[in-house]
Protein backbone atom coordinates (compact mmCIF):
# COMPACT_ATOMS: atom_id res chain seq x y z
CA MET A 1 5.48 62.47 42.54
CA ILE A 2 8.16 62.26 39.85
CA ALA A 3 10.09 59.75 41.89
CA GLY A 4 6.93 57.69 42.32
CA LEU A 5 6.23 57.73 38.57
CA GLU A 6 9.81 56.73 37.82
CA ALA A 7 9.51 53.83 40.24
CA ARG A 8 6.28 52.67 38.60
CA LEU A 9 7.86 52.95 35.15
CA GLU A 10 10.87 50.96 36.31
CA ALA A 11 8.61 48.31 37.80
CA GLN A 12 6.65 48.08 34.54
CA ALA A 13 9.89 47.89 32.56
CA ALA A 14 11.14 45.13 34.85
CA LEU A 15 7.86 43.25 34.37
CA ILE A 16 8.12 43.63 30.59
CA ARG A 17 11.73 42.34 30.68
CA GLU A 18 10.62 39.40 32.82
CA GLN A 19 7.73 38.61 30.48
CA ALA A 20 10.00 38.93 27.43
CA ALA A 21 12.50 36.55 29.01
CA SER A 22 9.70 34.12 29.85
CA LEU A 23 8.35 34.36 26.30
CA ALA A 24 11.82 33.80 24.85
CA HIS A 25 12.27 30.78 27.10
CA SER A 26 8.87 29.39 26.08
CA GLN A 27 9.71 30.01 22.42
CA LYS A 28 13.02 28.18 22.90
CA ILE A 29 11.24 25.19 24.47
CA PHE A 30 8.65 25.21 21.67
CA ASP A 31 11.34 25.36 18.98
CA ARG A 32 13.24 22.45 20.55
CA ALA A 33 10.08 20.35 20.97
CA SER A 34 9.01 21.23 17.44
CA ALA A 35 12.40 20.21 16.04
CA ALA A 36 12.46 16.96 18.05
CA ALA A 37 8.97 15.98 16.86
CA ARG A 38 9.62 17.41 13.40
CA ILE A 39 6.43 19.45 13.63
CA GLY A 40 6.38 22.89 12.02
CA VAL A 41 3.81 25.68 12.01
CA TRP A 42 2.69 27.36 8.79
CA GLN A 43 0.33 30.05 7.61
CA CYS A 44 -1.02 31.10 4.21
CA ASN A 45 -2.65 34.49 3.56
CA LEU A 46 -5.47 33.86 1.10
CA ALA A 47 -5.44 37.36 -0.37
CA ASP A 48 -1.98 37.00 -1.92
CA GLN A 49 -1.10 33.35 -1.09
CA ALA A 50 1.87 34.56 0.97
CA LEU A 51 3.38 31.82 3.13
CA LEU A 52 4.85 32.03 6.61
CA TRP A 53 6.79 29.02 7.94
CA THR A 54 8.65 28.11 11.10
CA ASP A 55 12.12 26.60 10.74
CA VAL A 56 10.95 22.98 10.85
CA VAL A 57 8.78 23.39 7.74
CA TYR A 58 11.79 24.75 5.82
CA ASP A 59 13.73 21.68 6.99
CA LEU A 60 10.95 19.31 5.89
CA PHE A 61 11.20 20.67 2.35
CA ASP A 62 15.04 20.84 2.47
CA LEU A 63 14.97 24.59 1.86
CA PRO A 64 17.28 27.22 3.39
CA ARG A 65 15.54 28.94 6.28
CA ASP A 66 15.84 32.31 4.56
CA ALA A 67 14.53 31.06 1.20
CA ALA A 68 11.77 33.04 -0.50
CA LEU A 69 8.47 31.14 -0.44
CA ASP A 70 6.31 30.97 -3.56
CA ARG A 71 3.26 28.74 -3.03
CA SER A 72 2.99 27.84 -6.73
CA GLU A 73 6.56 26.48 -6.57
CA ILE A 74 6.05 24.74 -3.23
CA VAL A 75 3.03 22.84 -4.57
CA LYS A 76 5.30 21.36 -7.26
CA CYS A 77 7.10 19.44 -4.48
CA TYR A 78 3.96 17.34 -3.93
CA THR A 79 3.50 14.17 -5.96
CA PRO A 80 0.63 14.43 -8.48
CA ALA A 81 -1.73 12.33 -6.35
CA SER A 82 -0.97 14.27 -3.17
CA ALA A 83 -1.19 17.63 -4.97
CA ALA A 84 -4.64 16.71 -6.30
CA GLU A 85 -5.83 15.63 -2.84
CA LEU A 86 -4.40 18.78 -1.26
CA HIS A 87 -6.17 21.01 -3.80
CA ALA A 88 -9.51 19.23 -3.29
CA LYS A 89 -9.40 19.30 0.53
CA ARG A 90 -8.02 22.84 0.71
CA SER A 91 -10.71 24.18 -1.63
CA LYS A 92 -13.46 22.43 0.32
CA GLY A 93 -12.08 23.65 3.66
CA ILE A 94 -11.99 27.25 2.45
CA ALA A 95 -15.46 27.03 0.92
CA GLU A 96 -16.94 25.55 4.09
CA ARG A 97 -14.77 27.75 6.38
CA THR A 98 -13.69 24.75 8.43
CA GLY A 99 -10.38 22.97 8.00
CA PHE A 100 -8.82 19.81 6.69
CA GLY A 101 -6.13 17.22 7.23
CA LEU A 102 -4.23 14.82 5.01
CA ASP A 103 -1.07 12.75 4.70
CA ALA A 104 0.86 13.85 1.62
CA GLU A 105 3.97 12.67 -0.18
CA ILE A 106 6.55 15.24 -1.26
CA VAL A 107 9.85 15.27 -3.13
CA THR A 108 12.06 17.87 -1.45
CA ALA A 109 14.36 20.39 -3.06
CA LYS A 110 17.21 17.88 -2.58
CA GLY A 111 15.25 15.00 -4.11
CA ASN A 112 14.35 13.27 -0.84
CA ARG A 113 10.95 11.60 -0.64
CA ARG A 114 9.03 12.31 2.53
CA TRP A 115 5.54 11.86 3.90
CA ILE A 116 4.11 14.80 5.84
CA ARG A 117 0.93 15.08 7.89
CA ILE A 118 -0.86 18.38 7.31
CA THR A 119 -3.48 19.83 9.62
CA ALA A 120 -5.18 23.10 8.74
CA SER A 121 -7.74 25.52 10.13
CA VAL A 122 -9.42 28.36 8.26
CA GLU A 123 -9.54 31.79 9.90
CA CYS A 124 -12.42 34.09 8.92
CA GLU A 125 -13.14 37.79 9.30
CA ASP A 126 -16.75 38.95 8.92
CA GLY A 127 -17.63 35.53 7.55
CA VAL A 128 -14.92 35.62 4.88
CA ALA A 129 -11.97 33.19 4.87
CA VAL A 130 -8.77 35.25 5.07
CA ARG A 131 -6.02 32.80 5.99
CA ILE A 132 -5.20 29.15 6.61
CA PHE A 133 -2.83 27.99 9.32
CA GLY A 134 -1.81 24.74 10.91
CA MET A 135 0.99 22.24 11.34
CA LYS A 136 3.13 20.00 9.15
CA GLN A 137 4.80 16.92 10.61
CA ASP A 138 7.30 14.47 9.17
CA ILE A 139 5.66 11.00 9.29
CA THR A 140 8.03 9.23 6.89
CA GLU A 141 9.17 6.65 9.47
CA GLU A 142 5.57 6.05 10.57
CA LYS A 143 4.55 5.55 6.94
CA ILE A 144 7.40 3.10 6.29
CA LEU A 145 6.52 1.11 9.42
CA ALA A 146 2.82 1.02 8.44
CA ASP A 147 3.73 -0.16 4.92
CA GLN A 148 6.00 -2.87 6.34
CA THR A 149 3.28 -4.02 8.73
CA ARG A 150 0.72 -4.12 5.93
CA TYR A 151 3.17 -6.01 3.70
CA LEU A 152 3.75 -8.65 6.37
CA ALA A 153 -0.02 -8.99 6.81
CA GLU A 154 -0.76 -9.35 3.10
CA TYR A 155 2.29 -10.91 1.44
CA ASP A 156 4.27 -14.11 1.73
CA VAL A 157 7.74 -13.19 2.97
CA MET A 158 9.52 -16.05 1.21
CA THR A 159 8.11 -15.64 -2.30
CA GLY A 160 6.89 -12.04 -2.29
CA LEU A 161 3.51 -13.17 -3.61
CA ALA A 162 0.19 -12.26 -2.02
CA ASN A 163 -0.63 -14.52 0.92
CA ARG A 164 -3.85 -16.39 1.64
CA SER A 165 -5.36 -13.48 3.58
CA LEU A 166 -4.98 -11.04 0.69
CA PHE A 167 -6.12 -13.73 -1.76
CA GLN A 168 -9.36 -14.29 0.17
CA SER A 169 -10.01 -10.54 0.38
CA LYS A 170 -9.39 -10.08 -3.33
CA LEU A 171 -11.52 -13.12 -4.19
CA ALA A 172 -14.43 -11.73 -2.18
CA GLU A 173 -13.98 -8.33 -3.81
CA LEU A 174 -13.87 -9.68 -7.35
CA THR A 175 -16.86 -11.99 -6.94
CA ALA A 176 -19.04 -9.36 -5.19
CA PRO A 177 -21.97 -8.20 -7.36
CA SER A 178 -21.24 -4.76 -8.79
CA PRO A 179 -22.98 -2.82 -11.56
CA ASP A 180 -19.75 -0.93 -12.28
CA GLN A 181 -17.51 -3.84 -13.19
CA PRO A 182 -17.87 -7.40 -14.47
CA ALA A 183 -17.21 -10.25 -12.10
CA LEU A 184 -14.05 -12.32 -11.87
CA GLY A 185 -13.34 -14.49 -14.90
CA ALA A 186 -11.73 -17.56 -13.36
CA LEU A 187 -9.79 -19.03 -10.47
CA LEU A 188 -6.77 -21.27 -11.12
CA LEU A 189 -5.46 -23.42 -8.27
CA VAL A 190 -1.88 -24.55 -8.88
CA ASP A 191 -0.44 -27.45 -6.89
CA LEU A 192 3.19 -28.51 -7.28
CA ASP A 193 3.94 -32.12 -8.22
CA GLY A 194 7.10 -33.63 -6.74
CA PHE A 195 7.72 -30.89 -4.17
CA LYS A 196 7.47 -33.21 -1.14
CA GLN A 197 10.08 -35.54 -2.60
CA ILE A 198 12.49 -32.63 -3.10
CA ASN A 199 11.95 -31.46 0.48
CA ASP A 200 12.42 -34.98 1.87
CA THR A 201 15.46 -35.77 -0.29
CA PHE A 202 17.39 -32.50 -0.46
CA GLY A 203 16.10 -30.60 2.58
CA HIS A 204 14.04 -27.50 3.25
CA ILE A 205 16.65 -25.10 1.87
CA ALA A 206 16.31 -26.72 -1.54
CA GLY A 207 12.53 -26.71 -1.14
CA ASP A 208 12.54 -23.00 -0.30
CA GLU A 209 14.65 -22.21 -3.37
CA CYS A 210 12.16 -24.14 -5.50
CA LEU A 211 9.25 -22.15 -4.07
CA LYS A 212 11.01 -18.86 -4.82
CA GLU A 213 11.72 -19.95 -8.39
CA VAL A 214 8.14 -21.14 -8.84
CA ALA A 215 6.92 -17.70 -7.70
CA ARG A 216 9.17 -15.97 -10.25
CA ARG A 217 7.97 -18.23 -13.05
CA LEU A 218 4.33 -17.80 -12.08
CA GLU A 219 4.67 -14.02 -12.15
CA GLY A 220 6.34 -14.29 -15.54
CA ALA A 221 3.48 -16.37 -16.93
CA CYS A 222 0.67 -14.38 -15.29
CA VAL A 223 1.36 -10.85 -16.49
CA GLY A 224 -1.85 -8.83 -16.43
CA VAL A 225 -3.91 -11.10 -14.15
CA ASP A 226 -5.64 -9.74 -11.05
CA LEU A 227 -3.61 -11.63 -8.45
CA VAL A 228 -0.97 -14.34 -8.04
CA SER A 229 -0.73 -15.73 -4.54
CA ARG A 230 0.76 -18.47 -2.42
CA ILE A 231 -2.09 -19.90 -0.35
CA GLY A 232 -0.35 -22.89 1.25
CA GLY A 233 2.92 -24.79 1.44
CA ASP A 234 3.17 -25.72 -2.25
CA GLU A 235 -0.22 -24.38 -3.36
CA PHE A 236 -0.71 -21.25 -5.42
CA ALA A 237 -3.74 -19.42 -6.76
CA VAL A 238 -4.26 -17.17 -9.76
CA LEU A 239 -7.23 -14.84 -10.13
CA VAL A 240 -8.00 -14.02 -13.74
CA GLY A 241 -10.21 -11.11 -14.74
CA PRO A 242 -13.04 -11.26 -17.30
CA GLY A 243 -10.72 -10.01 -20.06
CA LEU A 244 -9.51 -13.56 -20.87
CA ASP A 245 -11.80 -15.95 -22.71
CA LEU A 246 -11.85 -19.71 -22.30
CA ALA A 247 -9.14 -20.29 -24.91
CA LYS A 248 -6.82 -17.73 -23.31
CA ILE A 249 -7.35 -19.21 -19.84
CA SER A 250 -6.48 -22.68 -21.16
CA GLU A 251 -3.42 -21.22 -22.88
CA LEU A 252 -2.36 -19.61 -19.61
CA ALA A 253 -2.72 -22.93 -17.75
CA ARG A 254 -0.58 -24.72 -20.34
CA ASP A 255 2.08 -22.00 -20.13
CA ILE A 256 2.21 -22.31 -16.33
CA ILE A 257 2.57 -26.10 -16.54
CA ASP A 258 5.34 -25.73 -19.13
CA ARG A 259 7.27 -23.16 -17.09
CA LEU A 260 6.97 -24.99 -13.78
CA GLY A 261 7.94 -28.28 -15.42
CA ARG A 262 11.41 -27.02 -16.27
CA PRO A 263 14.17 -28.16 -13.89
CA VAL A 264 15.25 -25.90 -11.04
CA GLY A 265 18.99 -25.62 -10.55
CA HIS A 266 20.25 -26.00 -6.97
CA GLY A 267 23.71 -26.97 -5.73
CA GLY A 268 24.72 -28.35 -9.11
CA ARG A 269 21.58 -30.49 -9.32
CA ALA A 270 18.58 -30.15 -11.62
CA LEU A 271 15.52 -30.54 -9.39
CA LYS A 272 12.42 -31.73 -11.22
CA LEU A 273 9.02 -30.27 -10.41
CA GLY A 274 5.64 -30.32 -12.07
CA ALA A 275 2.26 -28.66 -11.66
CA SER A 276 -1.38 -29.67 -11.71
CA ILE A 277 -4.02 -27.00 -12.16
CA GLY A 278 -7.72 -26.86 -11.37
CA ILE A 279 -9.79 -24.14 -13.03
CA ALA A 280 -13.21 -22.85 -12.06
CA LEU A 281 -15.00 -20.22 -14.13
CA TYR A 282 -17.02 -17.68 -12.23
CA GLU A 283 -20.72 -18.47 -12.63
CA GLU A 284 -22.69 -16.50 -10.01
CA CYS A 285 -21.33 -18.37 -7.01
CA THR A 286 -19.85 -17.49 -3.66
CA PRO A 287 -16.08 -17.36 -3.08
CA SER A 288 -16.20 -20.61 -1.06
CA GLU A 289 -18.17 -22.35 -3.83
CA LEU A 290 -15.67 -21.17 -6.41
CA LEU A 291 -12.81 -22.53 -4.30
CA VAL A 292 -14.51 -25.93 -3.96
CA ARG A 293 -15.04 -26.09 -7.72
CA ALA A 294 -11.41 -25.22 -8.48
CA ASP A 295 -10.23 -27.69 -5.85
CA THR A 296 -12.40 -30.42 -7.37
CA ALA A 297 -10.95 -29.68 -10.82
CA LEU A 298 -7.43 -29.78 -9.34
CA TYR A 299 -8.06 -33.21 -7.88
CA ALA A 300 -9.32 -34.35 -11.30
CA ALA A 301 -6.08 -33.07 -12.89
CA LYS A 302 -4.01 -35.06 -10.41
CA PHE A 303 -6.21 -38.11 -10.95
CA ALA A 304 -5.60 -37.76 -14.69
CA GLY A 305 -1.86 -38.21 -14.22
CA ARG A 306 -0.59 -34.82 -12.96
CA ASN A 307 1.25 -32.15 -14.97
CA THR A 308 -2.02 -31.19 -16.63
CA PHE A 309 -5.08 -29.05 -15.97
CA ARG A 310 -8.79 -29.61 -15.74
CA MET A 311 -11.66 -27.14 -15.87
CA PHE A 312 -14.63 -27.60 -13.54
CA LYS A 313 -17.82 -28.68 -15.24
CA ALA A 314 -20.56 -29.95 -12.99
CA THR A 315 -21.71 -32.64 -15.45
CA GLU A 316 -18.20 -33.99 -15.97
CA MET A 317 -17.06 -33.69 -12.36
CA SER A 318 -20.09 -35.28 -10.71
CA GLY A 319 -18.30 -38.63 -10.46
CA VAL A 320 -15.03 -37.18 -9.19
CA ARG A 321 -14.71 -37.30 -5.42
CA ASN A 322 -12.51 -34.60 -3.95
CA PRO A 323 -11.08 -35.82 -0.65
CA ARG A 324 -10.47 -32.27 0.61
CA ALA A 325 -14.14 -31.39 0.11
CA ALA A 326 -15.36 -34.57 1.80
C-alpha cells in the first residue's frame, strides 16, 4: 500500500514538474512575443491604487524593472491632454463597470516622447469595481506614419502650406451654418504675376524657389488667419475669419501685394514677381459660390493692370466676364 501511495505521489510530482515546465515555457514565449510587439500587461487595484506591471510596461516608461510604482507619479508622465482624456475615460469605465481604450502621449522618465495604446477592463466583485487590468502597447511608429500620411494628404510638400484638399474642407467647415460660431469673413485668392516667365526663362528650379519664398512671405503676412494654402501651380488662397473688418482685409491684401512684389534672389539674380488678389466677403453663400466670386474679383484685378486687388461686388462686377467661370 505504502509503495503504491509513493508511486502515486511520484507520478503527481512528475506531472506537476511537467506542468511547471510547460508553464515556464509558455511564459517565456509570452514574454518574448510581448517584448517583440512592445505590448505589456498591467493591473491597478482600486482600493489602494497599487500598480502591477510586466517588464514591457516598465520599458515603455523607461523605468527600471524593480522601480517602485506610484500611480500619482506615473500619471505625471502623460501630457496634459492625454492625462485629462485618461481620467475621463477611466472614471466612466469604473462607474459603468465596463472598460475603455485610448491612445495617449507620454514623456518617459528619460524624456522620450512616446504614444501608447491602452486597453482596459474593469473587474467587479459583488457588483463593485475592485481592479482594472489590460494592456499597454507602444504605437509611436504607427502614430508617426499616420501623421506623415495625413500630412501628405493635406499639405503641399514643396511649400508646406495646406493643399487644395484641406482648403476645400476648411472652406466648407467655415461657411457651414453654425449657431456656435460666426461664419467665415472673407476669401482671398492670390495669383502670381510673372511666374510663368520666370519658369520659362530660368527653369523649374528657379520657379520652385520662388514658390517656396512666396509661401514664407504669405505666412509672414497672414499671421492669425484661418488658413493659408496653395491651391494650384501659382495660385494661393487665404481664409480670413470674421475678426477682420473690411479695412483690415484691404490692409492685408495690400501687405501681401507689397511683400510678394519684392525681388526673389536666386543664383545671383533678382527675380521679379507680383501678385493680383481677388476678395469675396462671405454673404450667406455656398463654398463654390464664394470661390466663383473671389475668382471673378481676381480676374478684375488682373484686368485692372495686375499687382492690385479687387473686392467682389455684384453691382460692380456684373460687366466683368471671368473666363474661368464661363
